């Protein structure tokens, strides 16, 4: 090959190689979990009048959460409801 053709051919080959990963195929179009959205929290609700809240009871335990189910939901996503 001539030296005048070698540089543009190498540049074209490099460009084609670098852009080959930008395309989408059926293998990479599946739905994946979002690794940045792993925590799910209920929205914070503030009552209009704080005087309507019941007084705290001493010695009462906080409501229990199912931490194992929350962990599984965070890792694998919550079950889809139909």
PDB file of N, CA and C in Angstrom:
ATOM      1  N   UNK A   1       0.835  -1.180   0.000  1.00  0.00           N
ATOM      2  CA  UNK A   1       0.000   0.000   0.000  1.00  0.00           C
ATOM      3  C   UNK A   1       0.879   1.244   0.000  1.00  0.00           C
ATOM      4  N   UNK A   2       0.338   2.276  -0.531  1.00  0.00           N
ATOM      5  CA  UNK A   2       1.063   3.529  -0.574  1.00  0.00           C
ATOM      6  C   UNK A   2       0.944   4.232   0.770  1.00  0.00           C
ATOM      7  N   UNK A   3       1.945   4.997   1.168  1.00  0.00           N
ATOM      8  CA  UNK A   3       1.894   5.720   2.440  1.00  0.00           C
ATOM      9  C   UNK A   3       0.750   6.727   2.503  1.00  0.00           C
ATOM     10  N   UNK A   4       0.307   7.284   1.350  1.00  0.00           N
ATOM     11  CA  UNK A   4      -0.786   8.250   1.352  1.00  0.00           C
ATOM     12  C   UNK A   4      -2.113   7.585   1.734  1.00  0.00           C
ATOM     13  N   UNK A   5      -2.269   6.324   1.446  1.00  0.00           N
ATOM     14  CA  UNK A   5      -3.519   5.606   1.727  1.00  0.00           C
ATOM     15  C   UNK A   5      -3.472   4.975   3.120  1.00  0.00           C
ATOM     16  N   UNK A   6      -2.298   4.701   3.619  1.00  0.00           N
ATOM     17  CA  UNK A   6      -2.155   4.003   4.887  1.00  0.00           C
ATOM     18  C   UNK A   6      -2.712   4.812   6.063  1.00  0.00           C
ATOM     19  N   UNK A   7      -2.441   6.086   6.146  1.00  0.00           N
ATOM     20  CA  UNK A   7      -2.910   6.907   7.254  1.00  0.00           C
ATOM     21  C   UNK A   7      -4.443   7.054   7.271  1.00  0.00           C
ATOM     22  N   UNK A   8      -5.091   7.406   6.162  1.00  0.00           N
ATOM     23  CA  UNK A   8      -6.559   7.477   6.198  1.00  0.00           C
ATOM     24  C   UNK A   8      -7.211   6.118   6.461  1.00  0.00           C
ATOM     25  N   UNK A   9      -6.618   5.053   5.952  1.00  0.00           N
ATOM     26  CA  UNK A   9      -7.177   3.720   6.184  1.00  0.00           C
ATOM     27  C   UNK A   9      -7.063   3.346   7.664  1.00  0.00           C
ATOM     28  N   UNK A  10      -5.955   3.670   8.290  1.00  0.00           N
ATOM     29  CA  UNK A  10      -5.784   3.392   9.713  1.00  0.00           C
ATOM     30  C   UNK A  10      -6.735   4.244  10.547  1.00  0.00           C
ATOM     31  N   UNK A  11      -6.924   5.493  10.151  1.00  0.00           N
ATOM     32  CA  UNK A  11      -7.844   6.372  10.875  1.00  0.00           C
ATOM     33  C   UNK A  11      -9.279   5.871  10.747  1.00  0.00           C
ATOM     34  N   UNK A  12      -9.666   5.437   9.560  1.00  0.00           N
ATOM     35  CA  UNK A  12     -11.007   4.902   9.338  1.00  0.00           C
ATOM     36  C   UNK A  12     -11.217   3.616  10.126  1.00  0.00           C
ATOM     37  N   UNK A  13     -10.226   2.754  10.162  1.00  0.00           N
ATOM     38  CA  UNK A  13     -10.323   1.512  10.928  1.00  0.00           C
ATOM     39  C   UNK A  13     -10.431   1.809  12.423  1.00  0.00           C
ATOM     40  N   UNK A  14      -9.649   2.763  12.910  1.00  0.00           N
ATOM     41  CA  UNK A  14      -9.734   3.137  14.323  1.00  0.00           C
ATOM     42  C   UNK A  14     -11.082   3.743  14.680  1.00  0.00           C
ATOM     43  N   UNK A  15     -11.617   4.575  13.805  1.00  0.00           N
ATOM     44  CA  UNK A  15     -12.927   5.179  14.028  1.00  0.00           C
ATOM     45  C   UNK A  15     -14.025   4.117  14.041  1.00  0.00           C
ATOM     46  N   UNK A  16     -13.969   3.200  13.096  1.00  0.00           N
ATOM     47  CA  UNK A  16     -14.975   2.139  13.043  1.00  0.00           C
ATOM     48  C   UNK A  16     -14.897   1.245  14.276  1.00  0.00           C
ATOM     49  N   UNK A  17     -13.698   0.974  14.739  1.00  0.00           N
ATOM     50  CA  UNK A  17     -13.526   0.145  15.933  1.00  0.00           C
ATOM     51  C   UNK A  17     -14.047   0.850  17.175  1.00  0.00           C
ATOM     52  N   UNK A  18     -13.763   2.136  17.299  1.00  0.00           N
ATOM     53  CA  UNK A  18     -14.198   2.863  18.499  1.00  0.00           C
ATOM     54  C   UNK A  18     -15.710   3.066  18.513  1.00  0.00           C
ATOM     55  N   UNK A  19     -16.343   3.186  17.364  1.00  0.00           N
ATOM     56  CA  UNK A  19     -17.793   3.386  17.311  1.00  0.00           C
ATOM     57  C   UNK A  19     -18.585   2.083  17.314  1.00  0.00           C
ATOM     58  N   UNK A  20     -17.919   0.961  17.200  1.00  0.00           N
ATOM     59  CA  UNK A  20     -18.650  -0.306  17.157  1.00  0.00           C
ATOM     60  C   UNK A  20     -19.347  -0.618  18.477  1.00  0.00           C
ATOM     61  N   UNK A  21     -18.854  -0.101  19.581  1.00  0.00           N
ATOM     62  CA  UNK A  21     -19.490  -0.334  20.871  1.00  0.00           C
ATOM     63  C   UNK A  21     -20.687   0.556  21.118  1.00  0.00           C
ATOM     64  N   UNK A  22     -20.939   1.532  20.260  1.00  0.00           N
ATOM     65  CA  UNK A  22     -22.052   2.454  20.467  1.00  0.00           C
ATOM     66  C   UNK A  22     -23.376   1.896  19.964  1.00  0.00           C
ATOM     67  N   UNK A  23     -23.336   0.895  19.146  1.00  0.00           N
ATOM     68  CA  UNK A  23     -24.562   0.331  18.597  1.00  0.00           C
ATOM     69  C   UNK A  23     -25.310  -0.494  19.626  1.00  0.00           C
ATOM     70  N   UNK A  24     -26.562  -0.768  19.365  1.00  0.00           N
ATOM     71  CA  UNK A  24     -27.347  -1.591  20.280  1.00  0.00           C
ATOM     72  C   UNK A  24     -27.795  -2.846  19.546  1.00  0.00           C
ATOM     73  N   UNK A  25     -27.735  -3.931  20.257  1.00  0.00           N
ATOM     74  CA  UNK A  25     -28.185  -5.207  19.718  1.00  0.00           C
ATOM     75  C   UNK A  25     -29.189  -5.804  20.681  1.00  0.00           C
ATOM     76  N   UNK A  26     -29.778  -6.900  20.321  1.00  0.00           N
ATOM     77  CA  UNK A  26     -30.770  -7.537  21.171  1.00  0.00           C
ATOM     78  C   UNK A  26     -30.191  -8.024  22.492  1.00  0.00           C
ATOM     79  N   UNK A  27     -28.923  -8.329  22.519  1.00  0.00           N
ATOM     80  CA  UNK A  27     -28.300  -8.842  23.735  1.00  0.00           C
ATOM     81  C   UNK A  27     -28.221  -7.759  24.814  1.00  0.00           C
ATOM     82  N   UNK A  28     -27.948  -6.533  24.413  1.00  0.00           N
ATOM     83  CA  UNK A  28     -27.718  -5.460  25.375  1.00  0.00           C
ATOM     84  C   UNK A  28     -28.947  -4.589  25.628  1.00  0.00           C
ATOM     85  N   UNK A  29     -30.086  -4.910  25.025  1.00  0.00           N
ATOM     86  CA  UNK A  29     -31.290  -4.102  25.195  1.00  0.00           C
ATOM     87  C   UNK A  29     -32.225  -4.630  26.263  1.00  0.00           C
ATOM     88  N   UNK A  30     -31.800  -5.575  27.075  1.00  0.00           N
ATOM     89  CA  UNK A  30     -32.689  -6.109  28.102  1.00  0.00           C
ATOM     90  C   UNK A  30     -32.804  -5.125  29.263  1.00  0.00           C
ATOM     91  N   UNK A  31     -33.861  -5.260  30.036  1.00  0.00           N
ATOM     92  CA  UNK A  31     -34.082  -4.351  31.150  1.00  0.00           C
ATOM     93  C   UNK A  31     -33.223  -4.789  32.334  1.00  0.00           C
ATOM     94  N   UNK A  32     -32.459  -3.865  32.878  1.00  0.00           N
ATOM     95  CA  UNK A  32     -31.573  -4.158  34.000  1.00  0.00           C
ATOM     96  C   UNK A  32     -31.998  -3.344  35.203  1.00  0.00           C
ATOM     97  N   UNK A  33     -31.652  -3.804  36.403  1.00  0.00           N
ATOM     98  CA  UNK A  33     -31.933  -2.969  37.577  1.00  0.00           C
ATOM     99  C   UNK A  33     -31.001  -1.765  37.600  1.00  0.00           C
ATOM    100  N   UNK A  34     -31.492  -0.692  38.134  1.00  0.00           N
ATOM    101  CA  UNK A  34     -30.693   0.530  38.241  1.00  0.00           C
ATOM    102  C   UNK A  34     -29.866   0.449  39.511  1.00  0.00           C
ATOM    103  N   UNK A  35     -28.548   0.365  39.370  1.00  0.00           N
ATOM    104  CA  UNK A  35     -27.688   0.180  40.532  1.00  0.00           C
ATOM    105  C   UNK A  35     -27.635   1.401  41.428  1.00  0.00           C
ATOM    106  N   UNK A  36     -28.114   2.535  40.954  1.00  0.00           N
ATOM    107  CA  UNK A  36     -28.112   3.734  41.774  1.00  0.00           C
ATOM    108  C   UNK A  36     -29.430   3.933  42.515  1.00  0.00           C
ATOM    109  N   UNK A  37     -30.425   3.164  42.197  1.00  0.00           N
ATOM    110  CA  UNK A  37     -31.731   3.286  42.852  1.00  0.00           C
ATOM    111  C   UNK A  37     -31.982   2.042  43.704  1.00  0.00           C
ATOM    112  N   UNK A  38     -31.139   1.821  44.687  1.00  0.00           N
ATOM    113  CA  UNK A  38     -31.246   0.607  45.488  1.00  0.00           C
ATOM    114  C   UNK A  38     -32.017   0.811  46.770  1.00  0.00           C
ATOM    115  N   UNK A  39     -32.271   2.026  47.146  1.00  0.00           N
ATOM    116  CA  UNK A  39     -33.038   2.249  48.364  1.00  0.00           C
ATOM    117  C   UNK A  39     -34.400   2.797  48.007  1.00  0.00           C
ATOM    118  N   UNK A  40     -35.392   2.251  48.660  1.00  0.00           N
ATOM    119  CA  UNK A  40     -36.757   2.710  48.446  1.00  0.00           C
ATOM    120  C   UNK A  40     -37.287   3.158  49.795  1.00  0.00           C
ATOM    121  N   UNK A  41     -37.736   4.387  49.864  1.00  0.00           N
ATOM    122  CA  UNK A  41     -38.246   4.921  51.111  1.00  0.00           C
ATOM    123  C   UNK A  41     -39.620   5.511  50.865  1.00  0.00           C
ATOM    124  N   UNK A  42     -40.461   5.374  51.858  1.00  0.00           N
ATOM    125  CA  UNK A  42     -41.781   5.974  51.768  1.00  0.00           C
ATOM    126  C   UNK A  42     -41.635   7.492  51.807  1.00  0.00           C
ATOM    127  N   UNK A  43     -42.510   8.205  51.129  1.00  0.00           N
ATOM    128  CA  UNK A  43     -42.406   9.671  51.178  1.00  0.00           C
ATOM    129  C   UNK A  43     -42.702  10.192  52.575  1.00  0.00           C
ATOM    130  N   UNK A  44     -42.047  11.261  52.922  1.00  0.00           N
ATOM    131  CA  UNK A  44     -42.225  11.872  54.223  1.00  0.00           C
ATOM    132  C   UNK A  44     -43.538  12.649  54.238  1.00  0.00           C
ATOM    133  N   UNK A  45     -44.355  12.365  55.240  1.00  0.00           N
ATOM    134  CA  UNK A  45     -45.643  13.037  55.366  1.00  0.00           C
ATOM    135  C   UNK A  45     -45.626  13.836  56.658  1.00  0.00           C
ATOM    136  N   UNK A  46     -45.841  15.120  56.553  1.00  0.00           N
ATOM    137  CA  UNK A  46     -45.876  15.999  57.710  1.00  0.00           C
ATOM    138  C   UNK A  46     -47.330  16.425  57.917  1.00  0.00           C
ATOM    139  N   UNK A  47     -47.881  16.165  59.100  1.00  0.00           N
ATOM    140  CA  UNK A  47     -49.272  16.579  59.323  1.00  0.00           C
ATOM    141  C   UNK A  47     -49.393  18.104  59.387  1.00  0.00           C
ATOM    142  N   UNK A  48     -50.588  18.560  59.073  1.00  0.00           N
ATOM    143  CA  UNK A  48     -50.820  20.006  59.066  1.00  0.00           C
ATOM    144  C   UNK A  48     -50.709  20.587  60.471  1.00  0.00           C
ATOM    145  N   UNK A  49     -51.175  19.846  61.469  1.00  0.00           N
ATOM    146  CA  UNK A  49     -51.128  20.322  62.850  1.00  0.00           C
ATOM    147  C   UNK A  49     -50.421  19.272  63.696  1.00  0.00           C
ATOM    148  N   UNK A  50     -49.271  19.615  64.255  1.00  0.00           N
ATOM    149  CA  UNK A  50     -48.506  18.640  65.034  1.00  0.00           C
ATOM    150  C   UNK A  50     -49.179  18.313  66.359  1.00  0.00           C
ATOM    151  N   UNK A  51     -50.152  19.107  66.787  1.00  0.00           N
ATOM    152  CA  UNK A  51     -50.869  18.826  68.019  1.00  0.00           C
ATOM    153  C   UNK A  51     -51.809  17.638  67.908  1.00  0.00           C
ATOM    154  N   UNK A  52     -52.121  17.220  66.684  1.00  0.00           N
ATOM    155  CA  UNK A  52     -53.023  16.078  66.496  1.00  0.00           C
ATOM    156  C   UNK A  52     -52.303  14.741  66.629  1.00  0.00           C
ATOM    157  N   UNK A  53     -50.987  14.756  66.709  1.00  0.00           N
ATOM    158  CA  UNK A  53     -50.237  13.507  66.844  1.00  0.00           C
ATOM    159  C   UNK A  53     -50.425  12.928  68.240  1.00  0.00           C
ATOM    160  N   UNK A  54     -50.462  11.598  68.344  1.00  0.00           N
ATOM    161  CA  UNK A  54     -50.563  11.005  69.674  1.00  0.00           C
ATOM    162  C   UNK A  54     -49.257  11.199  70.438  1.00  0.00           C
ATOM    163  N   UNK A  55     -49.317  11.308  71.747  1.00  0.00           N
ATOM    164  CA  UNK A  55     -48.084  11.470  72.518  1.00  0.00           C
ATOM    165  C   UNK A  55     -47.272  10.175  72.488  1.00  0.00           C
ATOM    166  N   UNK A  56     -45.947  10.278  72.506  1.00  0.00           N
ATOM    167  CA  UNK A  56     -45.124   9.068  72.486  1.00  0.00           C
ATOM    168  C   UNK A  56     -45.295   8.264  73.770  1.00  0.00           C
ATOM    169  N   UNK A  57     -45.276   6.957  73.633  1.00  0.00           N
ATOM    170  CA  UNK A  57     -45.406   6.055  74.775  1.00  0.00           C
ATOM    171  C   UNK A  57     -44.008   5.586  75.173  1.00  0.00           C
ATOM    172  N   UNK A  58     -43.649   5.758  76.420  1.00  0.00           N
ATOM    173  CA  UNK A  58     -42.328   5.313  76.853  1.00  0.00           C
ATOM    174  C   UNK A  58     -42.327   3.794  76.988  1.00  0.00           C
ATOM    175  N   UNK A  59     -41.249   3.188  76.559  1.00  0.00           N
ATOM    176  CA  UNK A  59     -41.100   1.739  76.638  1.00  0.00           C
ATOM    177  C   UNK A  59     -41.718   0.992  75.477  1.00  0.00           C
ATOM    178  N   UNK A  60     -42.300   1.676  74.529  1.00  0.00           N
ATOM    179  CA  UNK A  60     -42.907   1.037  73.365  1.00  0.00           C
ATOM    180  C   UNK A  60     -41.860   0.931  72.261  1.00  0.00           C
ATOM    181  N   UNK A  61     -41.796  -0.245  71.645  1.00  0.00           N
ATOM    182  CA  UNK A  61     -40.833  -0.460  70.561  1.00  0.00           C
ATOM    183  C   UNK A  61     -41.331   0.205  69.280  1.00  0.00           C
ATOM    184  N   UNK A  62     -40.399   0.590  68.455  1.00  0.00           N
ATOM    185  CA  UNK A  62     -40.733   1.163  67.156  1.00  0.00           C
ATOM    186  C   UNK A  62     -41.338   0.070  66.275  1.00  0.00           C
ATOM    187  N   UNK A  63     -42.158   0.439  65.309  1.00  0.00           N
ATOM    188  CA  UNK A  63     -42.725  -0.568  64.407  1.00  0.00           C
ATOM    189  C   UNK A  63     -41.606  -1.336  63.702  1.00  0.00           C
ATOM    190  N   UNK A  64     -41.752  -2.642  63.662  1.00  0.00           N
ATOM    191  CA  UNK A  64     -40.717  -3.487  63.060  1.00  0.00           C
ATOM    192  C   UNK A  64     -40.802  -3.433  61.543  1.00  0.00           C
ATOM    193  N   UNK A  65     -39.644  -3.434  60.919  1.00  0.00           N
ATOM    194  CA  UNK A  65     -39.561  -3.479  59.464  1.00  0.00           C
ATOM    195  C   UNK A  65     -39.025  -4.848  59.082  1.00  0.00           C
ATOM    196  N   UNK A  66     -39.420  -5.307  57.922  1.00  0.00           N
ATOM    197  CA  UNK A  66     -38.901  -6.571  57.412  1.00  0.00           C
ATOM    198  C   UNK A  66     -37.619  -6.263  56.641  1.00  0.00           C
ATOM    199  N   UNK A  67     -36.502  -6.220  57.375  1.00  0.00           N
ATOM    200  CA  UNK A  67     -35.247  -5.808  56.749  1.00  0.00           C
ATOM    201  C   UNK A  67     -34.762  -6.820  55.721  1.00  0.00           C
ATOM    202  N   UNK A  68     -35.064  -8.090  55.904  1.00  0.00           N
ATOM    203  CA  UNK A  68     -34.633  -9.099  54.932  1.00  0.00           C
ATOM    204  C   UNK A  68     -35.356  -8.875  53.599  1.00  0.00           C
ATOM    205  N   UNK A  69     -36.658  -8.611  53.655  1.00  0.00           N
ATOM    206  CA  UNK A  69     -37.405  -8.363  52.427  1.00  0.00           C
ATOM    207  C   UNK A  69     -36.948  -7.062  51.774  1.00  0.00           C
ATOM    208  N   UNK A  70     -36.655  -6.026  52.569  1.00  0.00           N
ATOM    209  CA  UNK A  70     -36.149  -4.779  52.011  1.00  0.00           C
ATOM    210  C   UNK A  70     -34.810  -4.991  51.308  1.00  0.00           C
ATOM    211  N   UNK A  71     -33.957  -5.823  51.906  1.00  0.00           N
ATOM    212  CA  UNK A  71     -32.660  -6.112  51.302  1.00  0.00           C
ATOM    213  C   UNK A  71     -32.846  -6.852  49.974  1.00  0.00           C
ATOM    214  N   UNK A  72     -33.741  -7.843  49.941  1.00  0.00           N
ATOM    215  CA  UNK A  72     -33.973  -8.589  48.705  1.00  0.00           C
ATOM    216  C   UNK A  72     -34.585  -7.689  47.632  1.00  0.00           C
ATOM    217  N   UNK A  73     -35.498  -6.813  48.033  1.00  0.00           N
ATOM    218  CA  UNK A  73     -36.086  -5.879  47.074  1.00  0.00           C
ATOM    219  C   UNK A  73     -35.033  -4.931  46.518  1.00  0.00           C
ATOM    220  N   UNK A  74     -34.114  -4.492  47.374  1.00  0.00           N
ATOM    221  CA  UNK A  74     -33.070  -3.591  46.915  1.00  0.00           C
ATOM    222  C   UNK A  74     -32.108  -4.284  45.957  1.00  0.00           C
ATOM    223  N   UNK A  75     -31.813  -5.542  46.230  1.00  0.00           N
ATOM    224  CA  UNK A  75     -30.859  -6.262  45.380  1.00  0.00           C
ATOM    225  C   UNK A  75     -31.478  -6.715  44.060  1.00  0.00           C
ATOM    226  N   UNK A  76     -32.711  -7.247  44.120  1.00  0.00           N
ATOM    227  CA  UNK A  76     -33.300  -7.883  42.946  1.00  0.00           C
ATOM    228  C   UNK A  76     -34.533  -7.160  42.422  1.00  0.00           C
ATOM    229  N   UNK A  77     -34.949  -6.096  43.074  1.00  0.00           N
ATOM    230  CA  UNK A  77     -36.140  -5.363  42.633  1.00  0.00           C
ATOM    231  C   UNK A  77     -37.377  -5.941  43.298  1.00  0.00           C
ATOM    232  N   UNK A  78     -38.328  -5.082  43.522  1.00  0.00           N
ATOM    233  CA  UNK A  78     -39.573  -5.509  44.145  1.00  0.00           C
ATOM    234  C   UNK A  78     -40.358  -6.348  43.145  1.00  0.00           C
ATOM    235  N   UNK A  79     -41.168  -7.294  43.634  1.00  0.00           N
ATOM    236  CA  UNK A  79     -41.984  -8.089  42.723  1.00  0.00           C
ATOM    237  C   UNK A  79     -42.934  -7.188  41.938  1.00  0.00           C
ATOM    238  N   UNK A  80     -43.090  -7.490  40.670  1.00  0.00           N
ATOM    239  CA  UNK A  80     -43.967  -6.694  39.840  1.00  0.00           C
ATOM    240  C   UNK A  80     -45.409  -7.127  40.063  1.00  0.00           C
ATOM    241  N   UNK A  81     -46.280  -6.135  40.276  1.00  0.00           N
ATOM    242  CA  UNK A  81     -47.695  -6.443  40.442  1.00  0.00           C
ATOM    243  C   UNK A  81     -48.388  -6.326  39.097  1.00  0.00           C
ATOM    244  N   UNK A  82     -49.299  -7.239  38.849  1.00  0.00           N
ATOM    245  CA  UNK A  82     -50.000  -7.258  37.551  1.00  0.00           C
ATOM    246  C   UNK A  82     -51.215  -6.428  37.582  1.00  0.00           C
TER     247      UNK A  82
END
